[in-house]
């Protein structure tokens, strides 16, 4: 059986797709989105590929850019992968559905079992799906409906699948991610916290929950390439992408008081009652005995505001790898949408 959650982040390969010129031409960005600097977006994408290949040691496969697929680089929306199975999604936008063709072929060539979504009433974006190593949470959003979530459950029958309402324009993965096999990281926005509370009600497993000032910081990737003697990696947004972290670096006093309150939400660990106190890294630990957040709360020391990057540094046994995608974000991209990671090695 192995240890619960041990499959989270196991990977040997990463799949990305190049940035086409049409992404900056207005064909792909959509109405109301800011203009995109194509050269900067391509540089960000190149750095991401370099870190996946050189820093994490993954075998990198890069699909060529296709001008007819301006949002093609967001290939994380096109498949949900667990073990040797890849569910090819049915994106909400009809214009994006041809994006799955090249991804399907690449995953087939790597030997994965391909499952198709044949129901025309189903919609599913891959970045609405969060796998914790123990179960799946599927965000019900503008892009993903109940029928799409049902197909996730039908495909991955060895795992519980629960649906989480997403009350923001974001995908679920734009609000929360996994900082480790037992740690959910989430932004501090009302939508992110609402999603985490829903997950806490639905799960039978104990998770720590780390709240970050920036929602974008929660869109991270916990990866275990299996390199000998190397701890897991956490691929995360760099400080330049995170407004609240930028404010700390610049010493802005106008936002510090507000962000202190956000930072004080730090951790919640469900599933235990009792009395205990102590400290860790300058933070105060106490068990909550009542209310919906019953569990372990880590209160950050006042008056210091903790940035998203400082909060991530409290995660143990991971190597942090920062990546910027601030320009690609203008087209709706986050880290979880810019790559697909998978393992072709048997899990021990």
Protein backbone atom coordinates (compact mmCIF):
# COMPACT_ATOMS: atom_id res chain seq x y z
CA UNK A 1 0.00 0.00 0.00
CA UNK A 2 2.76 2.46 0.91
CA UNK A 3 2.46 5.70 2.82
CA UNK A 4 -0.65 7.81 2.09
CA UNK A 5 0.27 10.74 -0.10
CA UNK A 6 3.58 9.27 -1.25
CA UNK A 7 2.52 9.48 -4.91
CA UNK A 8 2.18 13.25 -4.76
CA UNK A 9 4.69 14.99 -7.01
CA UNK A 10 6.42 11.86 -8.33
CA UNK A 11 7.76 12.83 -11.74
CA UNK A 12 10.36 12.03 -14.35
CA UNK A 13 9.10 14.14 -17.27
CA UNK A 14 7.64 17.58 -17.85
CA UNK A 15 5.66 18.73 -20.86
CA UNK A 16 5.42 22.36 -21.98
CA UNK A 17 4.36 24.16 -25.17
CA UNK A 18 6.07 27.16 -26.74
CA UNK A 19 4.62 30.68 -26.70
CA UNK A 20 3.21 31.74 -30.11
CA UNK A 21 3.17 35.30 -31.41
CA UNK A 22 -0.63 35.12 -31.52
CA UNK A 23 -0.70 35.21 -27.70
CA UNK A 24 0.35 38.86 -27.82
CA UNK A 25 -1.67 39.81 -30.89
CA UNK A 26 -4.98 39.99 -29.09
CA UNK A 27 -6.28 36.75 -30.57
CA UNK A 28 -5.66 34.76 -27.41
CA UNK A 29 -5.65 37.21 -24.55
CA UNK A 30 -9.33 38.05 -24.76
CA UNK A 31 -11.18 41.29 -24.17
CA UNK A 32 -10.32 43.34 -21.13
CA UNK A 33 -6.89 41.80 -20.50
CA UNK A 34 -3.76 43.99 -20.56
CA UNK A 35 -1.34 43.99 -23.47
CA UNK A 36 1.31 41.29 -23.29
CA UNK A 37 5.04 41.71 -23.95
CA UNK A 38 5.75 38.71 -26.18
CA UNK A 39 9.54 38.72 -25.71
CA UNK A 40 9.19 38.83 -21.92
CA UNK A 41 6.59 36.06 -21.95
CA UNK A 42 8.86 33.88 -24.06
CA UNK A 43 11.79 34.55 -21.72
CA UNK A 44 9.71 33.57 -18.70
CA UNK A 45 8.64 30.41 -20.47
CA UNK A 46 12.23 29.58 -21.37
CA UNK A 47 13.38 30.03 -17.77
CA UNK A 48 10.60 27.72 -16.57
CA UNK A 49 11.70 25.03 -19.01
CA UNK A 50 15.31 25.48 -17.97
CA UNK A 51 14.51 25.03 -14.28
CA UNK A 52 12.41 21.94 -14.93
CA UNK A 53 15.25 20.39 -16.93
CA UNK A 54 18.39 21.60 -15.19
CA UNK A 55 17.36 22.34 -11.61
CA UNK A 56 14.89 19.50 -11.15
CA UNK A 57 16.55 17.04 -13.53
CA UNK A 58 13.37 16.21 -15.44
CA UNK A 59 13.24 15.06 -19.02
CA UNK A 60 11.68 18.06 -20.73
CA UNK A 61 9.44 17.67 -23.75
CA UNK A 62 8.47 20.91 -25.49
CA UNK A 63 5.68 21.03 -28.01
CA UNK A 64 6.22 23.70 -30.67
CA UNK A 65 4.12 26.87 -30.54
CA UNK A 66 1.07 26.90 -32.78
CA UNK A 67 -0.25 30.23 -34.00
CA UNK A 68 -3.75 28.78 -34.25
CA UNK A 69 -3.58 27.99 -30.51
CA UNK A 70 -2.75 31.30 -28.80
CA UNK A 71 -3.44 29.86 -25.34
CA UNK A 72 -1.62 26.63 -26.16
CA UNK A 73 1.12 27.28 -23.55
CA UNK A 74 -1.54 26.82 -20.84
CA UNK A 75 -1.47 23.08 -21.43
CA UNK A 76 -2.08 22.31 -17.76
CA UNK A 77 -5.75 22.78 -18.60
CA UNK A 78 -5.71 19.98 -21.19
CA UNK A 79 -5.08 16.89 -19.05
CA UNK A 80 -5.35 15.47 -15.54
CA UNK A 81 -2.57 12.95 -14.91
CA UNK A 82 -2.23 10.50 -12.05
CA UNK A 83 0.03 7.45 -12.22
CA UNK A 84 -0.10 5.96 -15.70
CA UNK A 85 -3.48 7.48 -16.57
CA UNK A 86 -4.13 10.75 -18.36
CA UNK A 87 -7.66 12.14 -18.59
CA UNK A 88 -7.85 14.40 -21.63
CA UNK A 89 -10.06 17.32 -20.64
CA UNK A 90 -12.79 19.18 -22.47
CA UNK A 91 -12.05 22.89 -21.94
CA UNK A 92 -15.00 25.20 -21.40
CA UNK A 93 -14.00 27.43 -24.31
CA UNK A 94 -14.65 25.72 -27.68
CA UNK A 95 -11.73 27.69 -29.15
CA UNK A 96 -9.36 25.91 -26.75
CA UNK A 97 -10.50 22.34 -27.41
CA UNK A 98 -8.04 21.75 -30.29
CA UNK A 99 -5.22 22.29 -27.76
CA UNK A 100 -5.73 18.76 -26.44
CA UNK A 101 -4.68 17.06 -29.69
CA UNK A 102 -0.92 17.62 -29.43
CA UNK A 103 -0.98 16.90 -25.69
CA UNK A 104 -2.83 13.63 -26.23
CA UNK A 105 -0.25 12.43 -28.76
CA UNK A 106 2.69 13.39 -26.54
CA UNK A 107 1.22 11.52 -23.57
CA UNK A 108 0.42 8.50 -25.72
CA UNK A 109 4.01 8.45 -26.96
CA UNK A 110 5.16 8.37 -23.32
CA UNK A 111 3.07 5.26 -22.72
CA UNK A 112 0.27 6.71 -20.63
CA UNK A 113 -3.23 5.25 -20.70
CA UNK A 114 -5.47 7.84 -22.32
CA UNK A 115 -9.04 8.45 -21.17
CA UNK A 116 -11.28 10.71 -23.24
CA UNK A 117 -14.20 12.88 -22.13
CA UNK A 118 -16.92 11.85 -24.56
CA UNK A 119 -19.81 13.72 -22.94
CA UNK A 120 -20.58 16.95 -24.79
CA UNK A 121 -22.31 18.30 -21.67
CA UNK A 122 -19.10 18.06 -19.63
CA UNK A 123 -16.52 20.81 -19.27
CA UNK A 124 -13.26 20.48 -17.38
CA UNK A 125 -10.10 22.56 -17.13
CA UNK A 126 -7.16 20.71 -15.61
CA UNK A 127 -6.25 23.61 -13.33
CA UNK A 128 -9.57 23.16 -11.55
CA UNK A 129 -8.31 19.79 -10.29
CA UNK A 130 -6.16 19.52 -7.15
CA UNK A 131 -4.63 16.13 -6.28
CA UNK A 132 -3.37 15.86 -2.70
CA UNK A 133 -1.79 12.43 -2.95
CA UNK A 134 -4.78 11.00 -1.09
CA UNK A 135 -7.78 12.39 -2.96
CA UNK A 136 -8.94 14.79 -5.65
CA UNK A 137 -10.72 18.10 -5.21
CA UNK A 138 -12.42 19.48 -8.32
CA UNK A 139 -13.32 23.16 -8.43
CA UNK A 140 -16.75 23.97 -9.82
CA UNK A 141 -16.00 27.17 -11.66
CA UNK A 142 -16.79 29.06 -14.83
CA UNK A 143 -14.71 26.45 -16.68
CA UNK A 144 -15.61 23.18 -14.93
CA UNK A 145 -19.07 21.75 -14.28
CA UNK A 146 -20.51 18.86 -12.27
CA UNK A 147 -20.40 16.46 -15.20
CA UNK A 148 -16.71 17.17 -15.68
CA UNK A 149 -16.11 16.39 -12.00
CA UNK A 150 -18.08 13.15 -12.33
CA UNK A 151 -15.78 12.04 -15.14
CA UNK A 152 -12.74 12.71 -12.95
CA UNK A 153 -14.32 10.42 -10.33
CA UNK A 154 -15.09 7.75 -12.94
CA UNK A 155 -11.52 7.88 -14.25
CA UNK A 156 -9.64 7.77 -10.94
CA UNK A 157 -11.77 5.29 -8.99
CA UNK A 158 -9.01 4.49 -6.46
CA UNK A 159 -9.35 7.98 -4.98
CA UNK A 160 -12.14 9.97 -3.39
CA UNK A 161 -13.23 12.93 -5.53
CA UNK A 162 -14.99 15.92 -3.97
CA UNK A 163 -16.29 19.10 -5.58
CA UNK A 164 -15.45 22.57 -4.25
CA UNK A 165 -17.34 25.70 -5.35
CA UNK A 166 -14.99 28.37 -6.71
CA UNK A 167 -16.45 31.81 -6.02
CA UNK A 168 -13.98 33.85 -8.04
CA UNK A 169 -12.85 34.25 -11.67
CA UNK A 170 -9.91 31.96 -10.87
CA UNK A 171 -9.49 28.22 -11.24
CA UNK A 172 -9.18 26.20 -8.02
CA UNK A 173 -5.42 25.86 -8.54
CA UNK A 174 -5.18 29.64 -8.72
CA UNK A 175 -6.37 29.75 -5.11
CA UNK A 176 -4.66 26.78 -3.48
CA UNK A 177 -2.07 24.08 -4.04
CA UNK A 178 -0.01 21.48 -2.21
CA UNK A 179 3.10 22.52 -0.28
CA UNK A 180 3.80 18.90 0.62
CA UNK A 181 1.99 15.57 1.10
CA UNK A 182 0.15 16.87 4.16
CA UNK A 183 0.09 20.64 3.60
CA UNK A 184 -2.43 22.69 1.62
CA UNK A 185 -1.28 26.22 0.80
CA UNK A 186 -3.92 28.83 0.04
CA UNK A 187 -4.20 32.52 -0.65
CA UNK A 188 -5.75 34.90 1.86
CA UNK A 189 -8.59 36.13 -0.36
CA UNK A 190 -12.15 35.36 0.65
CA UNK A 191 -12.52 32.99 -2.33
CA UNK A 192 -9.36 31.05 -1.42
CA UNK A 193 -10.30 30.73 2.24
CA UNK A 194 -13.83 29.67 1.34
CA UNK A 195 -12.41 26.91 -0.87
CA UNK A 196 -10.11 25.67 1.91
CA UNK A 197 -12.97 25.62 4.42
CA UNK A 198 -15.05 23.57 1.98
CA UNK A 199 -12.17 21.13 1.51
CA UNK A 200 -11.79 20.78 5.29
CA UNK A 201 -15.44 19.79 5.62
CA UNK A 202 -15.25 17.27 2.78
CA UNK A 203 -12.01 15.43 3.61
CA UNK A 204 -11.41 12.52 5.97
CA UNK A 205 -7.67 13.24 6.04
CA UNK A 206 -5.73 15.64 8.27
CA UNK A 207 -3.95 18.40 6.37
CA UNK A 208 -2.00 21.41 7.52
CA UNK A 209 -3.15 24.62 5.85
CA UNK A 210 -0.70 27.45 5.22
CA UNK A 211 -2.29 30.80 4.35
CA UNK A 212 -0.27 33.13 2.13
CA UNK A 213 -0.91 36.85 1.60
CA UNK A 214 -0.91 36.38 -2.21
CA UNK A 215 -3.31 34.01 -3.96
CA UNK A 216 -0.80 33.66 -6.80
CA UNK A 217 1.78 32.22 -4.38
CA UNK A 218 -0.52 29.29 -3.66
CA UNK A 219 -0.35 28.17 -7.29
CA UNK A 220 2.76 26.09 -6.66
CA UNK A 221 3.99 22.64 -7.66
CA UNK A 222 5.34 20.09 -5.15
CA UNK A 223 7.64 17.84 -7.19
CA UNK A 224 9.68 14.75 -6.34
CA UNK A 225 11.90 13.81 -9.29
CA UNK A 226 13.46 10.99 -7.26
CA UNK A 227 17.03 12.27 -7.42
CA UNK A 228 19.24 10.33 -4.94
CA UNK A 229 19.69 12.21 -1.67
CA UNK A 230 17.77 15.26 -2.90
CA UNK A 231 14.69 16.51 -1.01
CA UNK A 232 11.50 17.39 -2.91
CA UNK A 233 11.20 20.70 -4.72
CA UNK A 234 8.51 23.35 -4.47
CA UNK A 235 8.23 25.31 -7.71
CA UNK A 236 6.65 28.64 -6.77
CA UNK A 237 6.12 32.18 -7.99
CA UNK A 238 9.06 34.54 -7.45
CA UNK A 239 8.83 37.63 -5.23
CA UNK A 240 8.53 39.96 -8.21
CA UNK A 241 5.24 38.23 -9.10
CA UNK A 242 3.76 38.68 -5.62
CA UNK A 243 2.49 42.15 -4.68
CA UNK A 244 2.52 41.61 -0.92
CA UNK A 245 6.06 40.21 -0.96
CA UNK A 246 7.11 43.20 -3.04
CA UNK A 247 5.60 45.53 -0.45
CA UNK A 248 7.72 43.97 2.29
CA UNK A 249 10.89 44.29 0.27
CA UNK A 250 10.13 47.95 -0.45
CA UNK A 251 9.23 48.61 3.20
CA UNK A 252 5.80 50.04 2.47
CA UNK A 253 4.26 51.09 5.77
CA UNK A 254 0.82 51.80 4.31
CA UNK A 255 0.07 48.13 3.74
CA UNK A 256 1.91 46.51 6.62
CA UNK A 257 -0.88 46.75 9.19
CA UNK A 258 -3.40 45.18 6.83
CA UNK A 259 -1.05 42.42 5.84
CA UNK A 260 -0.16 41.61 9.44
CA UNK A 261 -3.74 40.47 9.86
CA UNK A 262 -3.50 38.34 6.74
CA UNK A 263 -0.23 36.78 7.86
CA UNK A 264 -1.62 35.91 11.27
CA UNK A 265 -3.79 33.25 9.64
CA UNK A 266 -0.67 31.16 9.00
CA UNK A 267 -1.49 27.50 9.74
CA UNK A 268 -4.53 25.44 10.60
CA UNK A 269 -4.23 21.70 11.17
CA UNK A 270 -7.51 19.87 11.58
CA UNK A 271 -8.48 16.73 13.40
CA UNK A 272 -7.17 17.12 16.94
CA UNK A 273 -8.28 18.72 20.21
CA UNK A 274 -6.34 19.37 23.36
CA UNK A 275 -4.13 21.87 25.13
CA UNK A 276 -0.59 22.52 24.02
CA UNK A 277 1.62 25.52 23.52
CA UNK A 278 5.09 26.12 22.24
CA UNK A 279 7.05 27.90 19.52
CA UNK A 280 8.54 27.29 16.10
CA UNK A 281 10.70 29.77 14.25
CA UNK A 282 9.44 32.67 16.31
CA UNK A 283 5.79 31.71 15.86
CA UNK A 284 3.39 30.76 18.64
CA UNK A 285 1.59 27.40 18.50
CA UNK A 286 -1.75 26.72 20.12
CA UNK A 287 -4.55 24.21 19.68
CA UNK A 288 -7.94 25.65 18.82
CA UNK A 289 -10.66 24.05 20.90
CA UNK A 290 -13.80 25.37 19.22
CA UNK A 291 -15.17 26.67 15.98
CA UNK A 292 -14.73 25.50 12.38
CA UNK A 293 -10.96 25.89 12.51
CA UNK A 294 -10.40 23.41 15.34
CA UNK A 295 -6.81 22.26 15.16
CA UNK A 296 -3.30 23.67 15.36
CA UNK A 297 -2.87 27.35 14.66
CA UNK A 298 0.51 28.99 14.25
CA UNK A 299 0.30 32.69 15.05
CA UNK A 300 3.04 34.75 13.49
CA UNK A 301 4.88 37.16 15.78
CA UNK A 302 3.56 40.73 15.79
CA UNK A 303 4.29 43.36 14.60
CA UNK A 304 6.26 41.72 11.79
CA UNK A 305 4.39 41.02 8.58
CA UNK A 306 5.30 37.73 6.94
CA UNK A 307 5.42 37.77 3.15
CA UNK A 308 4.34 34.86 0.96
CA UNK A 309 7.98 33.94 0.38
CA UNK A 310 8.79 34.00 4.09
CA UNK A 311 5.76 31.82 4.78
CA UNK A 312 6.83 29.28 2.14
CA UNK A 313 10.25 29.12 3.78
CA UNK A 314 8.56 27.65 6.85
CA UNK A 315 7.74 24.51 4.88
CA UNK A 316 10.13 21.77 5.94
CA UNK A 317 12.04 19.29 3.79
CA UNK A 318 11.52 21.06 0.47
CA UNK A 319 13.86 23.03 -1.77
CA UNK A 320 12.21 26.23 -2.96
CA UNK A 321 12.61 27.03 -6.67
CA UNK A 322 11.22 30.46 -7.64
CA UNK A 323 9.89 31.06 -11.14
CA UNK A 324 8.36 34.20 -12.64
CA UNK A 325 5.36 34.17 -14.94
CA UNK A 326 4.06 37.70 -14.40
CA UNK A 327 3.80 38.42 -18.13
CA UNK A 328 2.18 35.08 -18.96
CA UNK A 329 -0.23 35.70 -16.10
CA UNK A 330 -1.77 38.49 -18.20
CA UNK A 331 -3.11 35.73 -20.46
CA UNK A 332 -4.48 33.83 -17.47
CA UNK A 333 -1.46 31.59 -16.86
CA UNK A 334 -0.21 30.28 -13.52
CA UNK A 335 2.49 27.74 -12.75
CA UNK A 336 0.01 24.86 -12.70
CA UNK A 337 -1.23 25.78 -16.17
CA UNK A 338 2.18 26.13 -17.84
CA UNK A 339 3.39 22.54 -17.53
CA UNK A 340 2.27 18.96 -17.10
CA UNK A 341 4.46 16.70 -14.97
CA UNK A 342 4.31 12.91 -14.99
CA UNK A 343 6.31 9.85 -14.13
CA UNK A 344 7.09 6.99 -16.47
CA UNK A 345 8.96 5.14 -13.71
CA UNK A 346 7.26 2.51 -11.55
CA UNK A 347 6.54 3.88 -8.07
CA UNK A 348 8.40 1.95 -5.40
